[in-house]
Amino acid sequence: MLVRLRKTLVDERTAFKQRLHAVLFHHGLPCPDHALLTQATRSWLEQLALPQASRLQVTTALRQLDQLDLELDPLERWLRAFARRQPGCRALIDRHYGIGMLLAPTILAELGDARRFANGDAVVRHTGLDVTVHSSDSKRSLGTCPAKALKCCAGRCSRPPSAPPARPPPTMTSASRSRPG
């Protein structure tokens, strides 16, 4: 539940950053991406000559960003502490590059008990990351698509598409089509 709460708060924070960027973009100003909450950026934002409505939007967005940061800090501290003491999180962090103290509890919470899966492929299918299509007998034969392979299976068919039918020859000659004038 806490990882979902964190995601919701992070999404809200992203939305307010995007609103702030939209206001700045509307006035032709640069959008400070990574340094939005530094003191230098805040003083720059305060010195901008903005219309009253835009100033209110900037002030509200900054206030909301500060509040969301206050909400996120204890949550993230709790999740990091949980990741340090939970064996499943430790295994994810130690064995997989790129999984850190916040992602490990998220994976654990969303996946649940990993022992219920027969193998890694079952885990991937459970997450929805498997892009293959499974048939009932777990055998996939290639080349059984119709001739319109590009339309039916986006070019993954092993048989090339058939050529379009040839145009029929004209029934009248071009001389007989023109009217005498």
Protein backbone atom coordinates (compact mmCIF):
# COMPACT_ATOMS: atom_id res chain seq x y z
CA MET A 1 0.00 0.00 0.00
CA LEU A 2 2.80 2.42 0.81
CA VAL A 3 4.47 1.96 -2.58
CA ARG A 4 1.16 2.83 -4.26
CA LEU A 5 0.82 5.89 -2.06
CA ARG A 6 4.35 6.92 -3.01
CA LYS A 7 3.56 6.47 -6.69
CA THR A 8 0.44 8.62 -6.36
CA LEU A 9 2.39 11.38 -4.63
CA VAL A 10 5.19 11.21 -7.21
CA ASP A 11 2.61 11.44 -10.01
CA GLU A 12 1.06 14.50 -8.35
CA ARG A 13 4.49 16.06 -8.00
CA THR A 14 5.20 15.43 -11.69
CA ALA A 15 1.87 17.01 -12.64
CA PHE A 16 2.67 20.21 -10.73
CA LYS A 17 6.14 20.38 -12.28
CA GLN A 18 4.57 20.03 -15.72
CA ARG A 19 2.06 22.79 -14.92
CA LEU A 20 4.89 25.04 -13.85
CA HIS A 21 6.81 24.24 -17.04
CA ALA A 22 3.70 24.97 -19.11
CA VAL A 23 3.33 28.44 -17.55
CA LEU A 24 6.99 29.22 -18.21
CA PHE A 25 6.79 27.86 -21.76
CA HIS A 26 3.69 29.97 -22.41
CA HIS A 27 5.73 33.07 -21.61
CA GLY A 28 8.73 31.93 -23.65
CA LEU A 29 10.91 31.22 -20.62
CA PRO A 30 13.27 28.27 -20.15
CA CYS A 31 12.13 25.36 -18.02
CA PRO A 32 14.63 24.48 -15.26
CA ASP A 33 14.24 20.68 -15.19
CA HIS A 34 16.61 19.28 -12.61
CA ALA A 35 17.12 22.34 -10.46
CA LEU A 36 13.51 23.39 -9.97
CA LEU A 37 13.61 23.54 -6.20
CA THR A 38 17.04 25.07 -5.64
CA GLN A 39 17.29 28.46 -4.01
CA ALA A 40 18.78 30.01 -7.16
CA THR A 41 15.88 28.79 -9.29
CA ARG A 42 13.34 29.99 -6.73
CA SER A 43 14.84 33.47 -6.65
CA TRP A 44 14.87 33.52 -10.47
CA LEU A 45 11.18 32.55 -10.52
CA GLU A 46 10.34 35.29 -7.99
CA GLN A 47 12.07 37.95 -10.10
CA LEU A 48 10.16 37.10 -13.29
CA ALA A 49 7.70 39.70 -14.51
CA LEU A 50 4.61 37.53 -14.92
CA PRO A 51 0.95 38.45 -15.16
CA GLN A 52 -1.01 38.01 -11.95
CA ALA A 53 -2.70 34.76 -13.07
CA SER A 54 0.61 33.21 -14.10
CA ARG A 55 2.26 34.36 -10.87
CA LEU A 56 -0.53 32.65 -8.91
CA GLN A 57 0.01 29.44 -10.87
CA VAL A 58 3.76 29.49 -10.22
CA THR A 59 3.30 30.21 -6.51
CA THR A 60 0.68 27.48 -6.11
CA ALA A 61 2.80 24.92 -7.98
CA LEU A 62 5.86 25.66 -5.84
CA ARG A 63 3.82 25.46 -2.64
CA GLN A 64 2.34 22.11 -3.72
CA LEU A 65 5.76 20.77 -4.69
CA ASP A 66 7.07 21.67 -1.24
CA GLN A 67 4.12 19.98 0.45
CA LEU A 68 4.48 16.83 -1.66
CA ASP A 69 8.19 16.69 -0.82
CA LEU A 70 7.27 16.85 2.88
CA GLU A 71 4.87 13.94 2.37
CA LEU A 72 7.33 11.89 0.32
CA ASP A 73 10.34 12.17 2.65
CA PRO A 74 9.10 9.99 5.54
CA LEU A 75 7.54 7.52 3.13
CA GLU A 76 10.79 7.05 1.22
CA ARG A 77 12.78 6.76 4.47
CA TRP A 78 10.42 4.00 5.63
CA LEU A 79 10.68 2.15 2.30
CA ARG A 80 14.49 2.36 2.32
CA ALA A 81 14.63 1.02 5.88
CA PHE A 82 12.27 -1.79 4.90
CA ALA A 83 14.44 -2.64 1.88
CA ARG A 84 17.54 -2.84 4.09
CA ARG A 85 16.01 -5.38 6.49
CA GLN A 86 13.80 -7.46 4.15
CA PRO A 87 15.62 -10.47 2.61
CA GLY A 88 13.70 -10.40 -0.68
CA CYS A 89 14.53 -6.74 -1.21
CA ARG A 90 18.17 -7.33 -0.31
CA ALA A 91 18.35 -10.16 -2.87
CA LEU A 92 16.89 -7.93 -5.60
CA ILE A 93 19.26 -5.07 -4.77
CA ASP A 94 22.36 -7.27 -4.54
CA ARG A 95 21.75 -9.45 -7.60
CA HIS A 96 20.19 -7.05 -10.11
CA TYR A 97 21.86 -3.94 -11.42
CA GLY A 98 19.59 -0.89 -11.36
CA ILE A 99 17.26 -2.06 -8.60
CA GLY A 100 17.67 0.25 -5.64
CA MET A 101 16.20 0.83 -2.22
CA LEU A 102 12.92 2.24 -3.55
CA LEU A 103 12.39 -0.06 -6.52
CA ALA A 104 12.99 -3.30 -4.58
CA PRO A 105 10.03 -2.85 -2.17
CA THR A 106 7.89 -1.79 -5.11
CA ILE A 107 8.71 -4.98 -7.01
CA LEU A 108 8.14 -7.06 -3.90
CA ALA A 109 4.79 -5.40 -3.16
CA GLU A 110 3.49 -5.67 -6.71
CA LEU A 111 4.76 -9.19 -7.35
CA GLY A 112 3.85 -10.77 -4.04
CA ASP A 113 5.22 -14.17 -3.07
CA ALA A 114 7.58 -15.18 -5.88
CA ARG A 115 7.40 -18.85 -4.85
CA ARG A 116 4.01 -19.12 -6.53
CA PHE A 117 5.66 -18.84 -9.95
CA ALA A 118 7.18 -21.88 -11.63
CA ASN A 119 9.99 -19.94 -13.32
CA GLY A 120 11.16 -16.54 -14.46
CA ASP A 121 9.02 -16.68 -17.60
CA ALA A 122 5.90 -16.97 -15.45
CA VAL A 123 6.94 -13.87 -13.53
CA VAL A 124 7.48 -11.93 -16.75
CA ARG A 125 4.06 -13.03 -18.06
CA HIS A 126 2.45 -12.02 -14.75
CA THR A 127 3.88 -8.52 -15.03
CA GLY A 128 2.59 -8.14 -18.57
CA LEU A 129 6.04 -7.63 -20.06
CA ASP A 130 5.94 -10.76 -22.22
CA VAL A 131 5.14 -9.80 -25.79
CA THR A 132 4.86 -13.28 -27.25
CA VAL A 133 1.56 -14.94 -28.01
CA HIS A 134 1.12 -18.39 -26.51
CA SER A 135 -0.92 -21.08 -28.23
CA SER A 136 -2.80 -23.78 -26.37
CA ASP A 137 -0.24 -26.54 -26.97
CA SER A 138 2.71 -24.22 -26.18
CA LYS A 139 4.08 -24.67 -29.71
CA ARG A 140 4.31 -21.80 -32.12
CA SER A 141 4.71 -22.55 -35.78
CA LEU A 142 5.99 -19.83 -38.04
CA GLY A 143 4.74 -19.17 -41.51
CA THR A 144 1.08 -20.00 -40.99
CA CYS A 145 -0.12 -16.46 -41.45
CA PRO A 146 -2.18 -15.50 -44.50
CA ALA A 147 -0.48 -13.84 -47.44
CA LYS A 148 -1.13 -10.38 -46.00
CA ALA A 149 1.59 -10.81 -43.40
CA LEU A 150 2.31 -7.14 -42.94
CA LYS A 151 -1.31 -6.40 -42.08
CA CYS A 152 -2.07 -9.38 -39.86
CA CYS A 153 1.08 -9.75 -37.81
CA ALA A 154 3.13 -6.59 -38.37
CA GLY A 155 5.80 -8.38 -40.39
CA ARG A 156 6.61 -11.09 -37.84
CA CYS A 157 5.50 -13.82 -40.27
CA SER A 158 8.23 -15.97 -41.80
CA ARG A 159 6.49 -16.07 -45.20
CA PRO A 160 6.80 -12.91 -47.30
CA PRO A 161 3.58 -11.25 -48.39
CA SER A 162 2.37 -12.05 -51.86
CA ALA A 163 2.63 -9.48 -54.62
CA PRO A 164 -0.48 -7.41 -55.35
CA PRO A 165 -2.54 -8.60 -58.32
CA ALA A 166 -1.53 -7.22 -61.71
CA ARG A 167 -3.68 -4.48 -63.19
CA PRO A 168 -5.97 -5.71 -65.95
CA PRO A 169 -5.16 -4.47 -69.45
CA PRO A 170 -7.32 -1.61 -70.75
CA THR A 171 -10.34 -2.68 -72.77
CA MET A 172 -10.16 0.29 -75.15
CA THR A 173 -7.20 1.79 -76.91
CA SER A 174 -6.27 5.33 -76.07
CA ALA A 175 -7.08 6.42 -79.67
CA SER A 176 -10.68 5.29 -79.39
CA ARG A 177 -11.21 7.27 -76.16
CA SER A 178 -10.56 10.65 -77.72
CA ARG A 179 -13.46 12.33 -79.44
CA PRO A 180 -13.05 13.76 -82.86
CA GLY A 181 -13.14 17.44 -82.62
